[in-house]
Protein backbone atom coordinates (compact mmCIF):
# COMPACT_ATOMS: atom_id res chain seq x y z
CA MET A 1 164.58 178.79 66.41
CA ARG A 2 163.10 178.02 69.86
CA ASN A 3 161.46 174.82 68.55
CA GLU A 4 164.81 173.59 67.24
CA ILE A 5 166.42 174.15 70.64
CA TYR A 6 163.70 172.08 72.30
CA ARG A 7 164.04 169.30 69.70
CA GLU A 8 167.81 169.18 70.28
CA ALA A 9 167.36 169.14 74.05
CA THR A 10 164.88 166.27 73.74
CA LYS A 11 167.31 164.31 71.53
CA LEU A 12 170.08 164.82 74.07
CA ILE A 13 167.88 163.71 76.97
CA ARG A 14 166.78 160.61 75.04
CA SER A 15 170.35 159.70 74.11
CA ARG A 16 171.45 159.82 77.76
CA SER A 17 168.43 158.23 79.43
CA ASN A 18 168.40 154.54 78.49
CA ASP A 19 165.10 152.74 79.06
CA ALA A 20 164.28 154.74 82.18
CA LEU A 21 162.86 157.71 80.26
CA ARG A 22 159.07 157.88 80.38
CA ILE A 23 158.04 161.27 79.04
CA VAL A 24 159.53 164.55 77.84
CA PHE A 25 157.34 167.58 77.37
CA ARG A 26 157.74 171.25 76.68
CA TYR A 27 155.58 173.61 78.68
CA THR A 28 154.59 177.26 78.75
CA GLN A 29 152.19 179.14 80.99
CA ASP A 30 149.28 178.00 78.79
CA THR A 31 150.40 174.96 76.78
CA ILE A 32 151.95 171.51 76.98
CA ASP A 33 153.67 169.88 73.99
CA ILE A 34 154.65 166.20 74.31
CA MET A 35 158.11 165.73 72.79
CA TYR A 36 158.52 162.02 73.67
CA ILE A 37 156.40 159.41 75.42
CA ASP A 38 157.26 155.81 76.26
CA GLU A 39 154.71 153.39 74.82
CA GLN A 40 154.55 151.53 78.16
CA ILE A 41 152.72 154.42 79.81
CA LEU A 42 150.25 155.27 77.05
CA ASN A 43 147.42 153.51 78.86
CA GLU A 44 147.89 155.61 82.02
CA ASP A 45 145.99 158.79 82.74
CA LEU A 46 148.90 161.16 82.19
CA LEU A 47 147.22 164.54 81.90
CA PRO A 48 146.75 165.17 85.65
CA ARG A 49 150.38 164.22 86.36
CA ILE A 50 151.71 166.31 83.48
CA GLU A 51 149.65 169.28 84.64
CA ARG A 52 151.00 168.92 88.20
CA LEU A 53 154.58 168.82 86.88
CA ARG A 54 154.00 171.88 84.72
CA THR A 55 152.49 173.76 87.66
CA ARG A 56 155.44 172.75 89.83
CA ALA A 57 157.94 173.95 87.21
CA LEU A 58 156.17 177.30 86.98
CA GLU A 59 156.27 177.59 90.79
CA ILE A 60 159.97 176.71 90.85
CA ALA A 61 160.76 179.34 88.22
CA GLU A 62 158.78 181.95 90.13
CA MET A 63 160.51 181.06 93.41
CA SER A 64 163.96 181.03 91.85
CA ALA A 65 163.42 184.45 90.28
CA ALA A 66 162.73 185.83 93.74
CA THR A 67 165.69 184.06 95.36
CA THR A 68 168.39 184.19 92.67
CA ILE A 69 171.87 183.97 94.14
CA THR A 70 173.66 186.71 92.26
CA ALA A 71 177.05 185.10 92.69
CA TYR A 72 175.88 182.13 90.63
CA GLY A 73 173.30 183.59 88.27
CA GLU A 74 169.85 182.31 87.41
CA LEU A 75 168.61 178.82 88.19
CA GLU A 76 168.39 176.78 84.97
CA THR A 77 168.04 173.12 85.94
CA ILE A 78 166.66 171.06 88.80
CA LEU A 79 167.05 167.31 89.20
CA ALA A 80 164.41 166.02 91.63
CA THR A 81 164.92 162.50 92.98
CA HIS A 82 161.84 160.74 94.38
CA ASP A 83 161.22 157.17 95.57
CA ASP A 84 159.93 155.99 92.19
CA ALA A 85 160.95 158.70 89.75
CA ILE A 86 163.63 161.15 88.75
CA ILE A 87 162.39 164.40 87.26
CA LEU A 88 164.57 166.76 85.26
CA TYR A 89 163.34 170.36 85.05
CA LEU A 90 165.06 172.47 82.38
CA LEU A 91 163.88 176.03 82.97
CA ALA A 92 164.11 178.14 79.82
CA GLY A 93 162.49 181.16 81.46
CA ASP A 94 159.91 182.16 84.02
CA ASP A 95 157.12 180.46 82.11
CA GLU A 96 158.60 177.84 79.79
CA GLY A 97 160.93 174.87 79.71
CA ILE A 98 161.20 171.11 79.38
CA ILE A 99 160.40 168.39 81.90
CA ALA A 100 161.65 164.81 81.57
CA THR A 101 160.52 162.01 83.87
CA HIS A 102 162.44 158.80 84.43
CA ASP A 103 161.69 155.61 86.33
CA ARG A 104 163.89 155.30 89.38
CA THR A 105 164.04 151.52 88.93
CA GLU A 106 166.12 151.83 85.77
CA ALA A 107 169.49 153.55 85.33
CA PRO A 108 168.81 157.00 83.92
CA PHE A 109 171.63 158.93 82.33
CA ASN A 110 173.74 155.76 81.96
CA ASN A 111 174.58 155.98 85.69
CA GLU A 112 176.82 158.93 84.89
CA LEU A 113 174.80 161.48 86.82
CA LEU A 114 173.36 159.55 89.77
């Protein structure tokens, strides 16, 4: 059941992301599962960057659990905008979720979100 949810989320992200999407991966406390990767970045050393993103997502989930605003409920999504990238964090729990990275030079999400 959980795998199907992640597959559907990946399909939705891909359908909305145009050519800006670079990588989508599912993470847990101990694992990383690549759901999509753009062929253009296959020659790059991705593991250190993916590990940093996973660590950051775990930190965000831990921080948000400690600072939940009860009027709004739990934090589920973060959209981080950087100079060269846009990173979408979909937090499925304290220790799992999906991360999608996009080039900032393209038009992610069909310009509907940003």
